[in-house]
Protein backbone atom coordinates (compact mmCIF):
# COMPACT_ATOMS: atom_id res chain seq x y z
CA MET A 1 -7.41 -9.81 5.10
CA THR A 2 -8.69 -8.18 7.95
CA GLU A 3 -9.27 -4.48 8.28
CA ARG A 4 -6.16 -4.66 10.89
CA GLU A 5 -4.10 -6.48 8.62
CA ILE A 6 -4.75 -3.98 6.14
CA ARG A 7 -3.64 -1.23 8.31
CA GLN A 8 -0.49 -2.95 9.26
CA LEU A 9 0.09 -3.79 5.52
CA ASN A 10 -0.29 0.17 4.78
CA ARG A 11 2.21 0.57 7.79
CA MET A 12 4.87 -1.35 6.08
CA VAL A 13 4.39 0.21 2.77
CA ASN A 14 4.66 3.65 3.98
CA SER A 15 7.99 2.81 6.47
CA ASN A 16 9.50 1.20 3.48
CA ALA A 17 9.16 4.46 1.59
CA PHE A 18 10.73 5.92 4.28
CA LEU A 19 13.66 3.73 4.24
CA THR A 20 14.00 3.81 0.22
CA LYS A 21 14.33 7.58 0.62
CA TYR A 22 17.21 7.72 2.71
CA GLN A 23 18.95 4.55 1.64
CA ALA A 24 22.18 6.12 1.42
CA GLN A 25 22.35 7.04 5.27
CA TRP A 26 22.03 3.41 6.51
CA PRO A 27 24.93 1.70 7.53
CA ALA A 28 25.81 -1.71 5.77
CA ASN A 29 24.25 -4.57 7.75
CA SER A 30 22.10 -2.06 10.08
CA ARG A 31 18.51 -2.72 10.83
CA PRO A 32 17.30 -0.35 8.05
CA ALA A 33 19.50 -1.96 5.20
CA ASN A 34 18.30 -5.40 6.24
CA ALA A 35 14.69 -4.15 6.45
CA LEU A 36 14.97 -2.68 3.25
CA VAL A 37 15.71 -6.16 1.77
CA ARG A 38 13.08 -7.92 3.67
CA LEU A 39 9.83 -5.62 4.09
CA PRO A 40 9.45 -5.43 0.21
CA GLN A 41 9.22 -9.29 0.09
CA ILE A 42 6.59 -9.27 3.15
CA ILE A 43 4.79 -6.63 1.30
CA THR A 44 4.46 -8.43 -2.02
CA ARG A 45 3.28 -11.63 -0.10
CA LEU A 46 0.70 -9.83 1.76
CA ASN A 47 -0.58 -8.29 -1.36
CA GLU A 48 -0.60 -11.56 -3.22
CA ILE A 49 -2.51 -13.44 -0.27
CA GLY A 50 -4.66 -10.44 0.03
CA ALA A 51 -5.62 -10.38 -3.60
CA VAL A 52 -6.84 -14.35 -3.44
CA GLN A 53 -8.85 -13.60 -0.49
CA ALA A 54 -10.52 -10.77 -1.95
CA GLY A 55 -11.84 -13.23 -5.01
CA GLY A 56 -9.06 -14.94 -6.74
CA ILE A 57 -5.99 -13.76 -8.75
CA ARG A 58 -4.86 -13.48 -12.41
CA ASP A 59 -4.54 -17.25 -13.51
CA GLN A 60 -0.80 -17.92 -14.49
CA LYS A 61 -1.92 -19.63 -17.54
CA GLY A 62 -3.64 -16.55 -19.29
CA GLY A 63 -6.99 -16.19 -17.76
CA THR A 64 -8.47 -13.20 -16.59
CA ALA A 65 -9.08 -11.83 -12.92
CA THR A 66 -12.41 -11.57 -11.19
CA LYS A 67 -13.98 -8.29 -10.66
CA ALA A 68 -13.14 -8.77 -6.75
CA ALA A 69 -9.48 -9.27 -7.53
CA ILE A 70 -9.24 -6.35 -9.85
CA LEU A 71 -10.93 -4.01 -7.28
CA TYR A 72 -8.45 -5.16 -4.76
CA GLU A 73 -5.74 -4.44 -6.58
CA VAL A 74 -7.17 -1.05 -7.59
CA TRP A 75 -7.95 -0.52 -4.02
CA THR A 76 -4.43 -1.23 -2.92
CA ASP A 77 -2.88 0.85 -5.67
CA ILE A 78 -4.90 3.98 -4.60
CA ASN A 79 -4.26 3.55 -1.39
CA ALA A 80 -0.71 3.50 -1.76
CA LEU A 81 -0.88 6.79 -4.12
CA SER A 82 -3.16 8.64 -1.64
CA ARG A 83 -0.62 7.85 1.33
CA THR A 84 2.39 8.53 -0.74
CA ALA A 85 0.94 12.00 -1.87
CA GLU A 86 0.15 12.84 1.90
CA LEU A 87 4.16 12.20 2.66
CA VAL A 88 5.02 14.32 -0.37
CA GLY A 89 2.74 17.06 0.56
CA LYS A 90 4.07 17.31 4.06
CA ASP A 91 7.71 17.13 3.01
CA THR A 92 7.19 19.99 0.27
CA ASN A 93 4.69 22.00 2.30
CA ASP A 94 2.21 21.53 -0.73
CA PRO A 95 -1.15 20.43 0.88
CA ASN A 96 -2.79 20.80 -2.53
CA PHE A 97 -0.76 18.06 -3.94
CA ALA A 98 -2.05 15.56 -1.31
CA ALA A 99 -5.64 17.03 -1.88
CA GLN A 100 -5.34 15.81 -5.36
CA PHE A 101 -4.92 12.22 -4.34
CA GLY A 102 -7.39 12.09 -1.42
CA HIS A 103 -8.39 8.71 -0.23
CA PRO A 104 -12.26 7.55 -0.98
CA ALA A 105 -14.20 7.59 2.07
CA SER A 106 -16.16 4.62 0.85
CA LYS A 107 -15.18 1.20 -0.71
CA ALA A 108 -18.21 0.94 -2.83
CA ALA A 109 -16.78 -0.37 -6.18
CA ASP A 110 -18.10 2.44 -8.52
CA ARG A 111 -16.65 5.03 -6.31
CA VAL A 112 -13.22 3.20 -5.89
CA ILE A 113 -13.17 2.81 -9.73
CA ALA A 114 -14.02 6.37 -10.03
CA ILE A 115 -11.06 7.68 -7.82
CA ALA A 116 -8.96 5.22 -9.51
CA THR A 117 -9.66 6.48 -12.85
CA ASP A 118 -8.99 10.10 -11.81
CA PHE A 119 -5.79 9.15 -10.21
CA SER A 120 -4.73 7.44 -13.10
CA GLY A 121 -5.08 10.24 -15.35
CA LYS A 122 -3.06 12.77 -12.99
CA ILE A 123 -0.21 10.34 -12.66
CA GLN A 124 0.46 10.35 -16.43
CA ASP A 125 2.16 13.72 -15.71
CA ALA A 126 5.62 12.96 -15.87
CA THR A 127 6.57 15.54 -13.15
CA VAL A 128 3.84 14.26 -10.74
CA TRP A 129 4.75 10.65 -11.29
CA ALA A 130 8.21 11.41 -10.65
CA LYS A 131 7.31 12.52 -6.96
CA PHE A 132 5.77 9.30 -6.68
CA THR A 133 8.96 7.26 -7.87
CA ALA A 134 11.19 9.25 -5.62
CA GLU A 135 9.24 7.92 -2.71
CA GLY A 136 9.86 4.03 -3.92
CA MET A 137 6.48 3.57 -5.76
CA ARG A 138 7.20 0.44 -8.13
CA ALA A 139 7.81 1.60 -11.62
CA ASN A 140 4.95 -0.32 -13.55
CA LEU A 141 1.98 0.78 -11.16
CA ARG A 142 0.93 3.31 -13.89
CA THR A 143 0.35 0.55 -16.41
CA GLU A 144 -0.94 -1.97 -14.10
CA LEU A 145 -3.71 0.53 -12.73
CA SER A 146 -4.37 1.35 -16.39
CA SER A 147 -4.73 -2.25 -17.20
CA ASP A 148 -7.02 -2.98 -14.50
CA LEU A 149 -9.25 -0.29 -15.17
CA GLN A 150 -9.78 -1.37 -18.72
CA ALA A 151 -10.43 -4.93 -17.43
CA TYR A 152 -12.84 -4.37 -14.67
CA PRO A 153 -15.96 -3.48 -16.84
CA THR A 154 -15.71 -6.98 -18.58
CA ALA A 155 -14.15 -9.15 -15.57
CA ARG A 156 -16.08 -11.90 -14.79
CA SER A 157 -17.87 -12.19 -11.28
CA GLY A 158 -17.13 -15.63 -10.42
CA GLN A 159 -14.45 -17.09 -8.39
CA ALA A 160 -10.81 -17.62 -10.03
CA ALA A 161 -9.41 -21.13 -10.44
CA GLY A 162 -6.70 -22.08 -8.21
CA ARG A 163 -7.26 -20.43 -5.31
CA LEU A 164 -5.05 -20.96 -2.03
CA ASP A 165 -6.04 -22.91 0.65
CA TYR A 166 -7.58 -20.35 3.09
CA THR A 167 -6.18 -22.17 6.43
CA GLY A 168 -2.53 -22.20 5.32
CA ALA A 169 -2.84 -18.86 3.55
CA SER A 170 -4.17 -17.32 7.03
CA ASP A 171 -1.56 -19.14 8.89
CA GLU A 172 1.19 -17.65 6.45
CA LEU A 173 -0.65 -13.96 6.48
CA ASP A 174 -0.31 -14.38 10.21
CA ASP A 175 2.99 -15.09 10.48
CA LEU A 176 4.33 -12.28 7.86
CA VAL A 177 2.12 -9.44 9.71
CA HIS A 178 4.04 -10.55 12.74
CA GLU A 179 7.31 -10.33 11.19
CA GLY A 180 6.68 -7.09 9.69
CA ILE A 181 5.48 -5.55 13.09
CA MET A 182 8.67 -6.88 14.73
CA ILE A 183 10.88 -5.26 12.03
CA LEU A 184 9.13 -1.73 12.45
CA ASP A 185 9.14 -2.14 16.37
CA GLY A 186 12.98 -2.67 16.24
CA LEU A 187 13.36 0.28 13.44
CA ASP A 188 11.63 2.35 15.97
CA VAL A 189 14.24 1.87 18.50
CA PHE A 190 17.12 2.20 15.96
CA PHE A 191 15.85 5.75 14.68
CA GLY A 192 15.11 6.73 18.29
CA ASN A 193 18.83 6.59 18.57
CA PHE A 194 20.14 7.14 15.06
CA PHE A 195 18.15 10.52 14.63
CA SER A 196 18.32 11.44 18.32
CA HIS A 197 19.97 15.08 16.95
CA ASP A 198 17.67 15.23 13.89
CA LYS A 199 13.94 15.78 15.20
CA LEU A 200 12.75 16.31 11.67
CA LYS A 201 13.72 12.84 10.37
CA LEU A 202 12.68 11.12 13.42
CA ASN A 203 9.46 12.91 12.97
CA GLU A 204 9.16 11.64 9.36
CA TRP A 205 9.74 8.05 10.50
CA LYS A 206 6.96 8.52 13.20
CA THR A 207 4.59 9.71 10.67
CA ALA A 208 5.60 6.95 7.96
CA SER A 209 5.35 4.10 10.75
CA ARG A 210 2.40 4.99 12.73
CA LEU A 211 -0.43 2.58 12.45
CA GLU A 212 -3.34 4.43 11.29
CA ARG A 213 -6.45 4.44 13.46
CA ALA A 214 -9.29 1.89 12.57
CA PRO A 215 -12.12 3.69 10.91
CA HIS A 216 -15.29 4.47 13.18
CA HIS A 217 -18.64 2.65 11.59
CA THR A 218 -21.67 4.49 12.12
CA THR A 219 -25.09 3.25 11.41
CA THR A 220 -27.07 5.58 9.11
CA PRO A 221 -30.59 5.61 10.25
CA THR A 222 -33.69 4.45 8.09
CA SER A 223 -36.80 6.11 7.76
């Protein structure tokens, strides 16, 4: 997945958390209600394709994952935790909560694993974890993250068997990202009307659905 595709995926994840949080408010067969069915499917499939492109996924017959695949899964998990913590911190006016789950500035493997290990320890606390599950976080993230961290040191470095055909996977990925964008664009119009007299929720939606800025890469001068 490209940097832009990952940012769009993050946008979908955060938007889905918002939809889940206020699920009881959506009229039957409305855009939000329908999006709550389709968005999770798109997110799951994008993660599957991304994991394969990152270096192979777990063999369905009991094989092990490559380090690249595990690292991608760990990165996806800590990104979800970080962005959810930011949302919780804003909702509860508790910036310290968000600060505990600050996103790593570097994608270096050792840094990602270190941050993930720290996050994994913190979310073992039932009270802390409840704040994430209340925002739609999948229940098995804790155990999967812990398992990935245990498997990473001894995982193989080669490519996993059964990789997807890249041409077909790329075409599917493009279609899914486009579909997700169209869903969010439609929701933006819907919520502009639905929350026209509730600016707090409208602003919360805008925050959840915004596309994060692309990082600026700087060149470090060499001596």
